[in-house]
C-alpha atoms as a PDB file:
ATOM      1  CA  MET A   1      20.856   2.346  25.293  1.00  0.00           C
ATOM      2  CA  SER A   2      23.848   4.199  26.779  1.00  0.00           C
ATOM      3  CA  GLY A   3      23.556   7.586  28.472  1.00  0.00           C
ATOM      4  CA  LEU A   4      25.603   9.142  25.673  1.00  0.00           C
ATOM      5  CA  ALA A   5      23.233   7.793  23.021  1.00  0.00           C
ATOM      6  CA  VAL A   6      20.232   9.172  24.915  1.00  0.00           C
ATOM      7  CA  LEU A   7      21.922  12.570  25.192  1.00  0.00           C
ATOM      8  CA  GLU A   8      22.783  12.610  21.483  1.00  0.00           C
ATOM      9  CA  ARG A   9      19.180  11.803  20.562  1.00  0.00           C
ATOM     10  CA  ARG A  10      17.875  14.593  22.823  1.00  0.00           C
ATOM     11  CA  ILE A  11      20.316  17.074  21.285  1.00  0.00           C
ATOM     12  CA  ALA A  12      19.258  16.048  17.761  1.00  0.00           C
ATOM     13  CA  THR A  13      15.583  16.413  18.654  1.00  0.00           C
ATOM     14  CA  LEU A  14      16.141  19.831  20.242  1.00  0.00           C
ATOM     15  CA  ALA A  15      18.172  21.016  17.254  1.00  0.00           C
ATOM     16  CA  ALA A  16      15.386  19.930  14.920  1.00  0.00           C
ATOM     17  CA  ARG A  17      12.841  21.882  16.965  1.00  0.00           C
ATOM     18  CA  LEU A  18      14.969  25.032  16.973  1.00  0.00           C
ATOM     19  CA  ALA A  19      15.816  24.874  13.269  1.00  0.00           C
ATOM     20  CA  PRO A  20      14.034  27.296  10.896  1.00  0.00           C
ATOM     21  CA  PRO A  21      10.753  25.910   9.549  1.00  0.00           C
ATOM     22  CA  ARG A  22      11.133  23.886   6.364  1.00  0.00           C
ATOM     23  CA  ALA A  23       9.041  24.486   3.310  1.00  0.00           C
ATOM     24  CA  VAL A  24       6.198  21.972   3.166  1.00  0.00           C
ATOM     25  CA  LEU A  25       7.103  19.263   0.687  1.00  0.00           C
ATOM     26  CA  SER A  26       4.658  18.157  -1.987  1.00  0.00           C
ATOM     27  CA  PRO A  27       4.592  14.568  -3.294  1.00  0.00           C
ATOM     28  CA  GLY A  28       6.208  15.892  -6.462  1.00  0.00           C
ATOM     29  CA  ASP A  29       9.017  17.424  -4.391  1.00  0.00           C
ATOM     30  CA  VAL A  30       9.604  14.084  -2.684  1.00  0.00           C
ATOM     31  CA  ALA A  31       9.835  12.276  -6.014  1.00  0.00           C
ATOM     32  CA  ARG A  32      12.157  14.895  -7.483  1.00  0.00           C
ATOM     33  CA  LEU A  33      14.507  14.930  -4.489  1.00  0.00           C
ATOM     34  CA  ALA A  34      14.563  11.117  -4.525  1.00  0.00           C
ATOM     35  CA  GLY A  35      15.569  11.181  -8.198  1.00  0.00           C
ATOM     36  CA  LEU A  36      12.315   9.588  -9.360  1.00  0.00           C
ATOM     37  CA  GLU A  37      10.459  10.441 -12.543  1.00  0.00           C
ATOM     38  CA  LEU A  38       6.889   9.373 -11.939  1.00  0.00           C
ATOM     39  CA  ASP A  39       4.650   7.992 -14.656  1.00  0.00           C
ATOM     40  CA  PRO A  40       1.344   9.857 -15.102  1.00  0.00           C
ATOM     41  CA  TRP A  41      -0.599   7.229 -13.133  1.00  0.00           C
ATOM     42  CA  GLN A  42       1.979   7.307 -10.331  1.00  0.00           C
ATOM     43  CA  ARG A  43       1.764  11.091 -10.175  1.00  0.00           C
ATOM     44  CA  GLU A  44      -2.024  10.874 -10.032  1.00  0.00           C
ATOM     45  CA  ALA A  45      -1.848   8.397  -7.154  1.00  0.00           C
ATOM     46  CA  ALA A  46       0.758  10.385  -5.222  1.00  0.00           C
ATOM     47  CA  GLU A  47      -1.123  13.663  -5.559  1.00  0.00           C
ATOM     48  CA  SER A  48      -4.603  12.269  -5.004  1.00  0.00           C
ATOM     49  CA  GLY A  49      -6.377  13.559  -1.959  1.00  0.00           C
ATOM     50  CA  ALA A  50      -8.793  10.626  -1.967  1.00  0.00           C
ATOM     51  CA  ALA A  51      -9.330   8.858   1.333  1.00  0.00           C
ATOM     52  CA  GLN A  52      -9.408   5.464  -0.395  1.00  0.00           C
ATOM     53  CA  ILE A  53      -7.126   4.537  -3.283  1.00  0.00           C
ATOM     54  CA  ILE A  54      -6.809   1.184  -5.010  1.00  0.00           C
ATOM     55  CA  LEU A  55      -3.989   0.437  -7.450  1.00  0.00           C
ATOM     56  CA  LEU A  56      -4.457  -2.494  -9.814  1.00  0.00           C
ATOM     57  CA  ALA A  57      -0.982  -2.734 -11.255  1.00  0.00           C
ATOM     58  CA  SER A  58       1.256  -5.132 -13.130  1.00  0.00           C
ATOM     59  CA  ARG A  59       4.361  -6.683 -11.657  1.00  0.00           C
ATOM     60  CA  GLN A  60       7.330  -4.307 -11.881  1.00  0.00           C
ATOM     61  CA  SER A  61       5.125  -1.368 -12.862  1.00  0.00           C
ATOM     62  CA  GLY A  62       6.290   0.870 -10.014  1.00  0.00           C
ATOM     63  CA  LYS A  63       3.475   0.535  -7.483  1.00  0.00           C
ATOM     64  CA  SER A  64       5.920   0.125  -4.580  1.00  0.00           C
ATOM     65  CA  THR A  65       7.802   3.221  -5.721  1.00  0.00           C
ATOM     66  CA  VAL A  66       4.749   5.462  -5.699  1.00  0.00           C
ATOM     67  CA  THR A  67       3.519   4.217  -2.327  1.00  0.00           C
ATOM     68  CA  ALA A  68       7.003   4.850  -0.897  1.00  0.00           C
ATOM     69  CA  VAL A  69       6.704   8.437  -2.130  1.00  0.00           C
ATOM     70  CA  MET A  70       3.300   8.718  -0.459  1.00  0.00           C
ATOM     71  CA  ALA A  71       4.633   7.336   2.826  1.00  0.00           C
ATOM     72  CA  ALA A  72       7.742   9.542   2.868  1.00  0.00           C
ATOM     73  CA  HIS A  73       5.637  12.597   2.009  1.00  0.00           C
ATOM     74  CA  THR A  74       3.080  11.919   4.748  1.00  0.00           C
ATOM     75  CA  ALA A  75       5.774  11.452   7.385  1.00  0.00           C
ATOM     76  CA  ALA A  76       7.682  14.596   6.369  1.00  0.00           C
ATOM     77  CA  ALA A  77       4.753  16.920   5.730  1.00  0.00           C
ATOM     78  CA  ARG A  78       2.470  15.886   8.601  1.00  0.00           C
ATOM     79  CA  PRO A  79       4.132  16.122  12.036  1.00  0.00           C
ATOM     80  CA  ARG A  80       3.267  13.325  14.475  1.00  0.00           C
ATOM     81  CA  SER A  81       1.620  11.315  11.717  1.00  0.00           C
ATOM     82  CA  LEU A  82       1.493   7.523  11.709  1.00  0.00           C
ATOM     83  CA  THR A  83       1.979   5.481   8.534  1.00  0.00           C
ATOM     84  CA  LEU A  84       1.486   1.715   8.630  1.00  0.00           C
ATOM     85  CA  ILE A  85       2.679  -0.738   5.966  1.00  0.00           C
ATOM     86  CA  LEU A  86       0.977  -4.110   5.840  1.00  0.00           C
ATOM     87  CA  SER A  87       1.705  -7.099   3.574  1.00  0.00           C
ATOM     88  CA  PRO A  88       0.810 -10.793   3.620  1.00  0.00           C
ATOM     89  CA  SER A  89       4.156 -11.525   5.321  1.00  0.00           C
ATOM     90  CA  GLN A  90       6.656  -9.622   7.425  1.00  0.00           C
ATOM     91  CA  ARG A  91       9.318 -10.094   4.745  1.00  0.00           C
ATOM     92  CA  GLN A  92       7.141  -8.360   2.158  1.00  0.00           C
ATOM     93  CA  SER A  93       6.323  -5.516   4.550  1.00  0.00           C
ATOM     94  CA  GLN A  94      10.014  -5.110   5.260  1.00  0.00           C
ATOM     95  CA  GLU A  95      10.876  -4.920   1.550  1.00  0.00           C
ATOM     96  CA  LEU A  96       8.456  -2.055   0.970  1.00  0.00           C
ATOM     97  CA  PHE A  97       9.644  -0.440   4.202  1.00  0.00           C
ATOM     98  CA  ARG A  98      13.227  -0.447   2.884  1.00  0.00           C
ATOM     99  CA  THR A  99      12.039   1.422  -0.195  1.00  0.00           C
ATOM    100  CA  VAL A 100      10.289   3.967   2.023  1.00  0.00           C
ATOM    101  CA  LYS A 101      13.414   4.464   4.139  1.00  0.00           C
ATOM    102  CA  ALA A 102      15.569   4.933   1.050  1.00  0.00           C
ATOM    103  CA  THR A 103      13.120   7.513  -0.282  1.00  0.00           C
ATOM    104  CA  HIS A 104      13.168   9.418   3.009  1.00  0.00           C
ATOM    105  CA  ALA A 105      16.967   9.283   3.198  1.00  0.00           C
ATOM    106  CA  ALA A 106      17.205  10.784  -0.284  1.00  0.00           C
ATOM    107  CA  LEU A 107      15.320  13.872   0.911  1.00  0.00           C
ATOM    108  CA  GLY A 108      18.282  14.943   3.049  1.00  0.00           C
ATOM    109  CA  ALA A 109      17.882  18.232   4.895  1.00  0.00           C
ATOM    110  CA  ALA A 110      14.555  18.905   3.150  1.00  0.00           C
ATOM    111  CA  ALA A 111      12.820  16.470   5.517  1.00  0.00           C
ATOM    112  CA  PRO A 112      12.955  15.881   9.285  1.00  0.00           C
ATOM    113  CA  ALA A 113      15.844  13.648  10.261  1.00  0.00           C
ATOM    114  CA  ALA A 114      15.339  10.128  11.569  1.00  0.00           C
ATOM    115  CA  THR A 115      15.732   9.910  15.343  1.00  0.00           C
ATOM    116  CA  GLN A 116      15.047   6.174  15.536  1.00  0.00           C
ATOM    117  CA  ASP A 117      15.813   3.771  12.709  1.00  0.00           C
ATOM    118  CA  ALA A 118      14.944   0.122  13.318  1.00  0.00           C
ATOM    119  CA  ALA A 119      14.315  -2.894  11.127  1.00  0.00           C
ATOM    120  CA  LEU A 120      10.552  -2.336  11.065  1.00  0.00           C
ATOM    121  CA  SER A 121      10.048   1.255  12.171  1.00  0.00           C
ATOM    122  CA  LEU A 122      11.287   4.761  11.516  1.00  0.00           C
ATOM    123  CA  VAL A 123      10.720   7.754  13.802  1.00  0.00           C
ATOM    124  CA  LEU A 124      11.387  11.289  12.575  1.00  0.00           C
ATOM    125  CA  ALA A 125      12.306  14.414  14.490  1.00  0.00           C
ATOM    126  CA  ASN A 126       8.843  15.852  13.832  1.00  0.00           C
ATOM    127  CA  GLY A 127       7.294  12.963  15.736  1.00  0.00           C
ATOM    128  CA  SER A 128       6.080  11.072  12.663  1.00  0.00           C
ATOM    129  CA  ARG A 129       6.334   7.286  12.590  1.00  0.00           C
ATOM    130  CA  ILE A 130       6.440   4.737   9.785  1.00  0.00           C
ATOM    131  CA  VAL A 131       5.889   1.148  10.895  1.00  0.00           C
ATOM    132  CA  ALA A 132       5.981  -2.090   8.888  1.00  0.00           C
ATOM    133  CA  LEU A 133       3.643  -4.776  10.202  1.00  0.00           C
ATOM    134  CA  PRO A 134       3.652  -8.566   9.808  1.00  0.00           C
ATOM    135  CA  GLY A 135       0.624 -10.079   8.108  1.00  0.00           C
ATOM    136  CA  LYS A 136      -0.932 -11.554  11.247  1.00  0.00           C
ATOM    137  CA  GLU A 137      -4.153 -10.237  12.733  1.00  0.00           C
ATOM    138  CA  GLN A 138      -3.200 -11.029  16.327  1.00  0.00           C
ATOM    139  CA  THR A 139      -0.036  -8.881  16.118  1.00  0.00           C
ATOM    140  CA  ILE A 140      -1.406  -5.706  14.502  1.00  0.00           C
ATOM    141  CA  ARG A 141      -4.219  -4.722  16.848  1.00  0.00           C
ATOM    142  CA  GLY A 142      -3.575  -1.760  19.123  1.00  0.00           C
ATOM    143  CA  PHE A 143      -2.663   0.857  16.555  1.00  0.00           C
ATOM    144  CA  SER A 144      -4.964   3.856  16.189  1.00  0.00           C
ATOM    145  CA  GLY A 145      -4.880   7.357  14.761  1.00  0.00           C
ATOM    146  CA  VAL A 146      -3.408   6.114  11.492  1.00  0.00           C
ATOM    147  CA  ASP A 147      -2.838   8.800   8.849  1.00  0.00           C
ATOM    148  CA  LEU A 148      -1.807   6.508   5.999  1.00  0.00           C
ATOM    149  CA  LEU A 149      -2.429   2.777   5.793  1.00  0.00           C
ATOM    150  CA  ILE A 150      -0.731   0.938   2.922  1.00  0.00           C
ATOM    151  CA  GLU A 151      -1.770  -2.641   2.160  1.00  0.00           C
ATOM    152  CA  ASP A 152       0.784  -4.168  -0.207  1.00  0.00           C
ATOM    153  CA  GLU A 153      -0.046  -7.276  -2.282  1.00  0.00           C
ATOM    154  CA  ALA A 154      -3.593  -6.706  -1.082  1.00  0.00           C
ATOM    155  CA  ALA A 155      -5.090  -9.491  -3.210  1.00  0.00           C
ATOM    156  CA  ARG A 156      -3.197 -11.987  -1.044  1.00  0.00           C
ATOM    157  CA  VAL A 157      -3.965 -10.382   2.323  1.00  0.00           C
ATOM    158  CA  PRO A 158      -6.623 -12.449   4.141  1.00  0.00           C
ATOM    159  CA  ASP A 159     -10.006 -10.759   4.471  1.00  0.00           C
ATOM    160  CA  PRO A 160     -10.045 -10.960   8.315  1.00  0.00           C
ATOM    161  CA  LEU A 161      -6.774  -9.021   8.374  1.00  0.00           C
ATOM    162  CA  TYR A 162      -8.188  -6.320   6.094  1.00  0.00           C
ATOM    163  CA  GLU A 163     -11.277  -6.115   8.296  1.00  0.00           C
ATOM    164  CA  ALA A 164      -9.069  -5.784  11.391  1.00  0.00           C
ATOM    165  CA  ILE A 165      -7.082  -2.817  10.045  1.00  0.00           C
ATOM    166  CA  ARG A 166      -9.942  -0.674   8.756  1.00  0.00           C
ATOM    167  CA  PRO A 167     -11.046   0.506  12.249  1.00  0.00           C
ATOM    168  CA  MET A 168      -7.591   2.062  12.693  1.00  0.00           C
ATOM    169  CA  LEU A 169      -8.819   4.880  10.429  1.00  0.00           C
ATOM    170  CA  ALA A 170     -12.091   5.492  12.268  1.00  0.00           C
ATOM    171  CA  VAL A 171     -10.993   8.432  14.432  1.00  0.00           C
ATOM    172  CA  SER A 172      -8.100   9.859  12.422  1.00  0.00           C
ATOM    173  CA  GLY A 173      -9.941   9.971   9.109  1.00  0.00           C
ATOM    174  CA  GLY A 174      -6.711   8.742   7.543  1.00  0.00           C
ATOM    175  CA  ARG A 175      -6.176   7.347   4.056  1.00  0.00           C
ATOM    176  CA  ILE A 176      -5.954   3.741   2.916  1.00  0.00           C
ATOM    177  CA  VAL A 177      -4.122   2.519  -0.179  1.00  0.00           C
ATOM    178  CA  LEU A 178      -4.558  -0.998  -1.556  1.00  0.00           C
ATOM    179  CA  LEU A 179      -2.030  -2.071  -4.173  1.00  0.00           C
ATOM    180  CA  SER A 180      -1.703  -5.410  -5.888  1.00  0.00           C
ATOM    181  CA  THR A 181      -1.754  -7.527  -8.977  1.00  0.00           C
ATOM    182  CA  PRO A 182      -4.935  -9.633  -9.192  1.00  0.00           C
ATOM    183  CA  TRP A 183      -5.205 -13.081  -7.624  1.00  0.00           C
ATOM    184  CA  GLY A 184      -8.431 -14.538  -8.899  1.00  0.00           C
ATOM    185  CA  LYS A 185     -11.996 -13.329  -8.522  1.00  0.00           C
ATOM    186  CA  ARG A 186     -12.055 -13.528  -4.743  1.00  0.00           C
ATOM    187  CA  GLY A 187     -11.294 -11.605  -1.588  1.00  0.00           C
ATOM    188  CA  HIS A 188     -11.605  -7.987  -0.571  1.00  0.00           C
ATOM    189  CA  PHE A 189      -9.231  -6.639  -3.230  1.00  0.00           C
ATOM    190  CA  HIS A 190     -11.384  -8.006  -6.050  1.00  0.00           C
ATOM    191  CA  ARG A 191     -14.560  -6.930  -4.251  1.00  0.00           C
ATOM    192  CA  VAL A 192     -13.300  -3.368  -3.714  1.00  0.00           C
ATOM    193  CA  TRP A 193     -12.121  -3.068  -7.322  1.00  0.00           C
ATOM    194  CA  THR A 194     -15.380  -4.315  -8.809  1.00  0.00           C
ATOM    195  CA  GLU A 195     -17.952  -3.076  -6.279  1.00  0.00           C
ATOM    196  CA  GLY A 196     -16.332  -0.652  -3.830  1.00  0.00           C
ATOM    197  CA  VAL A 197     -17.908   2.785  -3.418  1.00  0.00           C
ATOM    198  CA  GLY A 198     -15.845   5.935  -2.919  1.00  0.00           C
ATOM    199  CA  TRP A 199     -12.539   4.501  -4.166  1.00  0.00           C
ATOM    200  CA  HIS A 200     -10.085   6.239  -6.486  1.00  0.00           C
ATOM    201  CA  ARG A 201      -9.161   3.471  -8.927  1.00  0.00           C
ATOM    202  CA  LEU A 202      -5.964   3.376 -10.971  1.00  0.00           C
ATOM    203  CA  GLU A 203      -5.045   0.564 -13.362  1.00  0.00           C
ATOM    204  CA  VAL A 204      -1.756  -0.015 -15.162  1.00  0.00           C
ATOM    205  CA  ALA A 205      -0.947  -3.090 -17.229  1.00  0.00           C
ATOM    206  CA  ALA A 206       2.593  -4.037 -18.228  1.00  0.00           C
ATOM    207  CA  PRO A 207       2.211  -2.876 -21.878  1.00  0.00           C
ATOM    208  CA  ASP A 208       1.454   0.611 -20.511  1.00  0.00           C
ATOM    209  CA  CYS A 209       4.642   0.743 -18.425  1.00  0.00           C
ATOM    210  CA  PRO A 210       7.522   2.442 -20.289  1.00  0.00           C
ATOM    211  CA  ARG A 211      10.151   0.448 -18.364  1.00  0.00           C
ATOM    212  CA  ILE A 212       8.869  -2.932 -19.590  1.00  0.00           C
ATOM    213  CA  SER A 213       9.774  -3.622 -23.211  1.00  0.00           C
ATOM    214  CA  ALA A 214       7.411  -5.203 -25.724  1.00  0.00           C
ATOM    215  CA  ALA A 215      10.109  -7.734 -26.636  1.00  0.00           C
ATOM    216  CA  TRP A 216      10.469  -8.880 -23.030  1.00  0.00           C
ATOM    217  CA  LEU A 217       6.698  -9.195 -22.665  1.00  0.00           C
ATOM    218  CA  ALA A 218       6.469 -11.258 -25.838  1.00  0.00           C
ATOM    219  CA  ALA A 219       9.114 -13.635 -24.498  1.00  0.00           C
ATOM    220  CA  GLU A 220       7.359 -13.818 -21.124  1.00  0.00           C
ATOM    221  CA  ARG A 221       4.015 -14.604 -22.765  1.00  0.00           C
ATOM    222  CA  ALA A 222       5.664 -17.623 -24.396  1.00  0.00           C
ATOM    223  CA  ALA A 223       7.351 -18.691 -21.150  1.00  0.00           C
ATOM    224  CA  VAL A 224       4.461 -18.770 -18.676  1.00  0.00           C
ATOM    225  CA  PRO A 225       0.896 -20.154 -18.738  1.00  0.00           C
ATOM    226  CA  ASP A 226      -1.702 -17.895 -20.307  1.00  0.00           C
ATOM    227  CA  PHE A 227      -3.651 -17.327 -17.083  1.00  0.00           C
ATOM    228  CA  VAL A 228      -0.435 -16.315 -15.302  1.00  0.00           C
ATOM    229  CA  PHE A 229       0.485 -13.809 -18.009  1.00  0.00           C
ATOM    230  CA  ARG A 230      -3.018 -12.330 -18.059  1.00  0.00           C
ATOM    231  CA  GLN A 231      -3.040 -12.025 -14.280  1.00  0.00           C
ATOM    232  CA  GLU A 232       0.481 -10.796 -13.580  1.00  0.00           C
ATOM    233  CA  TYR A 233       1.008  -8.521 -16.582  1.00  0.00           C
ATOM    234  CA  LEU A 234      -2.406  -7.696 -18.068  1.00  0.00           C
ATOM    235  CA  VAL A 235      -3.951  -7.323 -14.575  1.00  0.00           C
ATOM    236  CA  GLU A 236      -6.995  -9.442 -15.402  1.00  0.00           C
ATOM    237  CA  PHE A 237      -9.029 -11.082 -12.663  1.00  0.00           C
ATOM    238  CA  VAL A 238      -8.935 -14.570 -14.124  1.00  0.00           C
ATOM    239  CA  GLU A 239     -10.668 -17.506 -12.478  1.00  0.00           C
ATOM    240  CA  ALA A 240      -8.927 -18.782  -9.367  1.00  0.00           C
ATOM    241  CA  GLU A 241      -6.660 -21.718 -10.228  1.00  0.00           C
ATOM    242  CA  GLY A 242      -8.437 -25.009  -9.545  1.00  0.00           C
ATOM    243  CA  SER A 243     -11.936 -23.476  -9.530  1.00  0.00           C
ATOM    244  CA  TYR A 244     -14.567 -25.960 -10.691  1.00  0.00           C
ATOM    245  CA  PHE A 245     -17.272 -23.344 -11.237  1.00  0.00           C
ATOM    246  CA  ALA A 246     -16.766 -19.932 -12.816  1.00  0.00           C
ATOM    247  CA  TYR A 247     -17.087 -16.982 -10.433  1.00  0.00           C
ATOM    248  CA  ASP A 248     -19.651 -15.237 -12.654  1.00  0.00           C
ATOM    249  CA  ASP A 249     -21.774 -18.408 -12.789  1.00  0.00           C
ATOM    250  CA  ILE A 250     -21.784 -18.618  -8.995  1.00  0.00           C
ATOM    251  CA  ARG A 251     -22.792 -14.972  -8.690  1.00  0.00           C
ATOM    252  CA  ALA A 252     -25.593 -15.465 -11.193  1.00  0.00           C
ATOM    253  CA  ALA A 253     -26.954 -18.392  -9.146  1.00  0.00           C
ATOM    254  CA  LEU A 254     -27.244 -16.363  -5.941  1.00  0.00           C
ATOM    255  CA  ASP A 255     -30.470 -14.659  -4.911  1.00  0.00           C
ATOM    256  CA  SER A 256     -30.416 -12.377  -1.856  1.00  0.00           C
ATOM    257  CA  ALA A 257     -34.205 -12.634  -1.595  1.00  0.00           C
ATOM    258  CA  VAL A 258     -34.024 -16.333  -0.727  1.00  0.00           C
ATOM    259  CA  THR A 259     -33.739 -17.185   2.966  1.00  0.00           C
ATOM    260  CA  PRO A 260     -31.070 -19.845   3.665  1.00  0.00           C
ATOM    261  CA  LEU A 261     -32.373 -23.222   4.792  1.00  0.00           C
ATOM    262  CA  PHE A 262     -30.255 -23.121   7.945  1.00  0.00           C
ATOM    263  CA  GLY A 263     -30.496 -19.387   8.668  1.00  0.00           C
ATOM    264  CA  GLY A 264     -27.570 -16.971   8.863  1.00  0.00           C
ATOM    265  CA  ASP A 265     -26.543 -14.159   6.587  1.00  0.00           C
ATOM    266  CA  HIS A 266     -28.088 -14.720   3.151  1.00  0.00           C
ATOM    267  CA  ARG A 267     -26.302 -11.941   1.355  1.00  0.00           C
ATOM    268  CA  ALA A 268     -24.345 -12.844  -1.768  1.00  0.00           C
ATOM    269  CA  THR A 269     -20.718 -13.222  -0.639  1.00  0.00           C
ATOM    270  CA  ALA A 270     -19.070 -15.246  -3.360  1.00  0.00           C
END
């Protein structure tokens, strides 16, 4: 970086510090300034103070939009905060990150300006950071003090990766948001939705989304296999494709009181 660029960044940071204090933005303010009209479930998610939120939502229902509002709000309203975006792949993380950056940019002078703008990270004048992470456990360790952790397409994020990111919230007491369509009766997303304690659950199927027409859904139902339609649009946890035994039958056959023949953890984990 050239000396002039360094000087310009220092001047911008100093100007931001000397500027009159901004009014603290609410999630509703962020949505309004970004030109977004949130659905009731999106508003509930954005304004929820819950530490753990899980969104079971149809394709194209607006789950990325509402989490972008949450990320932009956290970065603007909480100086020196850290927001992490995680998806099964770097490309998916980057797509959601672009939505977050666009939402922040739409806030204009109402939010701290960006002092660093890279392909996978954004740093604001108030010291807040938003970082998009690739979906690989070995590359995400090292972050701590996370204020907001967003796991996109969570049903397809491997369980070891989910287990690796949770400790990032241990000291900060930050929030975690899981958002996804279902992907069979398996993995941590299904387990959290069906058994998790202390989670704020929100569900939206495609017929409940005002932007998805009934005529389009009827055509889509005829175009794709039934299990795909039920999973992607009706947000049902259908049996995993290729499963020989039904998930519920497997669960019914388990008994935590029985000690395994070869030792180990005998808890029901199906």
